[in-house]
Amino acid sequence: MADISTDNQQFIDAAEARGEDTFMYKDPKSGEFLLVSGSPESIRLLVDIIDDYELVSEVAADIATELERLHLDVK
């Protein structure tokens, strides 16, 4: 079995050699990681999209919790 941290470092080193940035994301639900590389602008945009998604997900969960508290069916 390959050493994942070594594979990740090789991926990061190769991306840096190409002038790319990298981003590693851990899914809070599954615990799985995603490692991507791309232009600095693309990585910044991806980070912004993920930040927005996480915020909207939190708000939606809060709304669902409040609706359940009020005994309203949200399905």
N, C-alpha and C. Protein backbone atom coordinates (compact mmCIF):
# COMPACT_ATOMS: atom_id res chain seq x y z
N MET A 1 0.84 -1.18 0.00
CA MET A 1 0.00 0.00 0.00
C MET A 1 0.89 1.24 0.00
N ALA A 2 0.54 2.19 -0.85
CA ALA A 2 1.34 3.40 -0.98
C ALA A 2 1.13 4.32 0.21
N ASP A 3 2.15 5.06 0.53
CA ASP A 3 2.08 6.03 1.61
C ASP A 3 1.34 7.27 1.09
N ILE A 4 0.16 7.52 1.63
CA ILE A 4 -0.68 8.61 1.14
C ILE A 4 0.00 9.96 1.32
N SER A 5 0.67 10.17 2.46
CA SER A 5 1.31 11.47 2.67
C SER A 5 2.43 11.70 1.66
N THR A 6 3.14 10.65 1.29
CA THR A 6 4.18 10.77 0.26
C THR A 6 3.55 11.09 -1.09
N ASP A 7 2.46 10.40 -1.42
CA ASP A 7 1.75 10.67 -2.68
C ASP A 7 1.26 12.11 -2.71
N ASN A 8 0.68 12.56 -1.61
CA ASN A 8 0.19 13.93 -1.54
C ASN A 8 1.32 14.93 -1.73
N GLN A 9 2.44 14.69 -1.08
CA GLN A 9 3.57 15.62 -1.19
C GLN A 9 4.10 15.64 -2.62
N GLN A 10 4.15 14.49 -3.27
CA GLN A 10 4.59 14.44 -4.66
C GLN A 10 3.63 15.23 -5.56
N PHE A 11 2.33 15.10 -5.29
CA PHE A 11 1.32 15.85 -6.04
C PHE A 11 1.52 17.35 -5.84
N ILE A 12 1.73 17.75 -4.59
CA ILE A 12 1.93 19.17 -4.26
C ILE A 12 3.20 19.69 -4.91
N ASP A 13 4.28 18.93 -4.82
CA ASP A 13 5.55 19.34 -5.43
C ASP A 13 5.42 19.50 -6.94
N ALA A 14 4.73 18.57 -7.58
CA ALA A 14 4.54 18.65 -9.03
C ALA A 14 3.70 19.87 -9.40
N ALA A 15 2.68 20.14 -8.61
CA ALA A 15 1.84 21.31 -8.87
C ALA A 15 2.65 22.60 -8.73
N GLU A 16 3.44 22.67 -7.67
CA GLU A 16 4.28 23.85 -7.47
C GLU A 16 5.28 24.03 -8.61
N ALA A 17 5.81 22.93 -9.11
CA ALA A 17 6.75 23.00 -10.24
C ALA A 17 6.07 23.55 -11.49
N ARG A 18 4.76 23.33 -11.60
CA ARG A 18 3.99 23.86 -12.74
C ARG A 18 3.48 25.27 -12.47
N GLY A 19 3.76 25.81 -11.29
CA GLY A 19 3.29 27.15 -10.93
C GLY A 19 1.85 27.17 -10.45
N GLU A 20 1.35 26.03 -10.02
CA GLU A 20 -0.03 25.93 -9.54
C GLU A 20 -0.09 25.99 -8.02
N ASP A 21 -1.24 26.38 -7.52
CA ASP A 21 -1.52 26.30 -6.10
C ASP A 21 -2.24 24.99 -5.82
N THR A 22 -2.25 24.60 -4.56
CA THR A 22 -2.98 23.39 -4.17
C THR A 22 -3.95 23.73 -3.05
N PHE A 23 -4.95 22.89 -2.92
CA PHE A 23 -5.96 23.05 -1.88
C PHE A 23 -6.40 21.67 -1.42
N MET A 24 -6.39 21.48 -0.11
CA MET A 24 -6.87 20.21 0.45
C MET A 24 -8.11 20.51 1.27
N TYR A 25 -9.15 19.74 1.02
CA TYR A 25 -10.43 19.93 1.69
C TYR A 25 -10.84 18.63 2.37
N LYS A 26 -11.27 18.75 3.61
CA LYS A 26 -11.79 17.58 4.33
C LYS A 26 -13.30 17.74 4.44
N ASP A 27 -14.01 16.79 3.86
CA ASP A 27 -15.47 16.82 3.93
C ASP A 27 -15.90 16.57 5.37
N PRO A 28 -16.65 17.49 5.96
CA PRO A 28 -17.02 17.33 7.37
C PRO A 28 -17.96 16.16 7.63
N LYS A 29 -18.71 15.76 6.62
CA LYS A 29 -19.65 14.64 6.81
C LYS A 29 -18.98 13.29 6.65
N SER A 30 -18.21 13.13 5.59
CA SER A 30 -17.61 11.82 5.31
C SER A 30 -16.22 11.68 5.93
N GLY A 31 -15.55 12.81 6.20
CA GLY A 31 -14.19 12.76 6.70
C GLY A 31 -13.16 12.51 5.62
N GLU A 32 -13.61 12.39 4.37
CA GLU A 32 -12.69 12.14 3.27
C GLU A 32 -12.02 13.44 2.83
N PHE A 33 -10.84 13.30 2.24
CA PHE A 33 -10.06 14.46 1.80
C PHE A 33 -10.08 14.55 0.28
N LEU A 34 -9.99 15.78 -0.19
CA LEU A 34 -9.87 16.07 -1.60
C LEU A 34 -8.68 17.00 -1.77
N LEU A 35 -7.75 16.62 -2.62
CA LEU A 35 -6.57 17.44 -2.89
C LEU A 35 -6.59 17.80 -4.37
N VAL A 36 -6.61 19.10 -4.65
CA VAL A 36 -6.66 19.58 -6.03
C VAL A 36 -5.57 20.61 -6.26
N SER A 37 -5.25 20.80 -7.53
CA SER A 37 -4.29 21.85 -7.90
C SER A 37 -4.87 22.61 -9.07
N GLY A 38 -4.42 23.84 -9.20
CA GLY A 38 -4.87 24.66 -10.32
C GLY A 38 -4.22 26.02 -10.24
N SER A 39 -4.63 26.88 -11.15
CA SER A 39 -4.09 28.23 -11.14
C SER A 39 -4.46 28.90 -9.82
N PRO A 40 -3.66 29.84 -9.37
CA PRO A 40 -3.98 30.53 -8.12
C PRO A 40 -5.39 31.13 -8.12
N GLU A 41 -5.80 31.69 -9.25
CA GLU A 41 -7.14 32.26 -9.34
C GLU A 41 -8.22 31.19 -9.18
N SER A 42 -8.02 30.05 -9.81
CA SER A 42 -8.99 28.95 -9.72
C SER A 42 -9.09 28.40 -8.30
N ILE A 43 -7.96 28.28 -7.65
CA ILE A 43 -7.97 27.76 -6.28
C ILE A 43 -8.66 28.75 -5.35
N ARG A 44 -8.40 30.05 -5.53
CA ARG A 44 -9.09 31.06 -4.71
C ARG A 44 -10.60 31.00 -4.93
N LEU A 45 -11.01 30.84 -6.18
CA LEU A 45 -12.44 30.74 -6.49
C LEU A 45 -13.04 29.48 -5.86
N LEU A 46 -12.34 28.36 -5.94
CA LEU A 46 -12.81 27.12 -5.33
C LEU A 46 -12.96 27.28 -3.82
N VAL A 47 -11.99 27.90 -3.19
CA VAL A 47 -12.06 28.13 -1.74
C VAL A 47 -13.28 28.99 -1.40
N ASP A 48 -13.51 30.03 -2.19
CA ASP A 48 -14.68 30.89 -1.96
C ASP A 48 -15.98 30.11 -2.13
N ILE A 49 -16.06 29.28 -3.15
CA ILE A 49 -17.26 28.48 -3.40
C ILE A 49 -17.51 27.52 -2.23
N ILE A 50 -16.47 26.86 -1.78
CA ILE A 50 -16.61 25.92 -0.66
C ILE A 50 -17.01 26.65 0.61
N ASP A 51 -16.40 27.80 0.87
CA ASP A 51 -16.78 28.59 2.05
C ASP A 51 -18.26 28.96 1.99
N ASP A 52 -18.71 29.42 0.81
CA ASP A 52 -20.12 29.77 0.65
C ASP A 52 -21.02 28.55 0.85
N TYR A 53 -20.63 27.43 0.28
CA TYR A 53 -21.41 26.19 0.42
C TYR A 53 -21.53 25.79 1.89
N GLU A 54 -20.43 25.86 2.61
CA GLU A 54 -20.47 25.47 4.02
C GLU A 54 -21.36 26.41 4.82
N LEU A 55 -21.31 27.71 4.52
CA LEU A 55 -22.16 28.67 5.21
C LEU A 55 -23.63 28.40 4.92
N VAL A 56 -23.97 28.19 3.65
CA VAL A 56 -25.35 27.92 3.28
C VAL A 56 -25.82 26.61 3.91
N SER A 57 -24.96 25.61 3.96
CA SER A 57 -25.32 24.34 4.59
C SER A 57 -25.63 24.51 6.07
N GLU A 58 -24.84 25.33 6.75
CA GLU A 58 -25.08 25.60 8.17
C GLU A 58 -26.40 26.33 8.37
N VAL A 59 -26.66 27.31 7.52
CA VAL A 59 -27.91 28.06 7.62
C VAL A 59 -29.10 27.13 7.36
N ALA A 60 -29.01 26.29 6.35
CA ALA A 60 -30.09 25.36 6.04
C ALA A 60 -30.33 24.40 7.21
N ALA A 61 -29.26 23.92 7.81
CA ALA A 61 -29.40 23.02 8.96
C ALA A 61 -30.05 23.75 10.13
N ASP A 62 -29.67 25.00 10.35
CA ASP A 62 -30.28 25.80 11.42
C ASP A 62 -31.77 26.01 11.17
N ILE A 63 -32.13 26.29 9.92
CA ILE A 63 -33.54 26.48 9.58
C ILE A 63 -34.32 25.19 9.80
N ALA A 64 -33.76 24.07 9.36
CA ALA A 64 -34.43 22.78 9.55
C ALA A 64 -34.62 22.48 11.03
N THR A 65 -33.62 22.77 11.82
CA THR A 65 -33.72 22.55 13.27
C THR A 65 -34.82 23.41 13.87
N GLU A 66 -34.87 24.66 13.46
CA GLU A 66 -35.90 25.57 13.98
C GLU A 66 -37.29 25.12 13.54
N LEU A 67 -37.42 24.68 12.30
CA LEU A 67 -38.72 24.21 11.83
C LEU A 67 -39.16 22.96 12.59
N GLU A 68 -38.22 22.08 12.86
CA GLU A 68 -38.54 20.89 13.66
C GLU A 68 -38.96 21.30 15.06
N ARG A 69 -38.28 22.29 15.62
CA ARG A 69 -38.63 22.77 16.94
C ARG A 69 -40.06 23.33 16.96
N LEU A 70 -40.43 23.94 15.87
CA LEU A 70 -41.78 24.50 15.75
C LEU A 70 -42.80 23.45 15.30
N HIS A 71 -42.32 22.23 15.13
CA HIS A 71 -43.15 21.09 14.70
C HIS A 71 -43.72 21.26 13.31
N LEU A 72 -42.93 21.82 12.42
CA LEU A 72 -43.34 21.94 11.04
C LEU A 72 -42.63 20.88 10.21
N ASP A 73 -43.34 20.27 9.30
CA ASP A 73 -42.76 19.24 8.45
C ASP A 73 -41.96 19.92 7.35
N VAL A 74 -40.66 19.59 7.25
CA VAL A 74 -39.79 20.22 6.25
C VAL A 74 -39.56 19.34 5.03
N LYS A 75 -40.24 18.23 4.93
CA LYS A 75 -40.01 17.32 3.79
C LYS A 75 -40.99 17.52 2.70
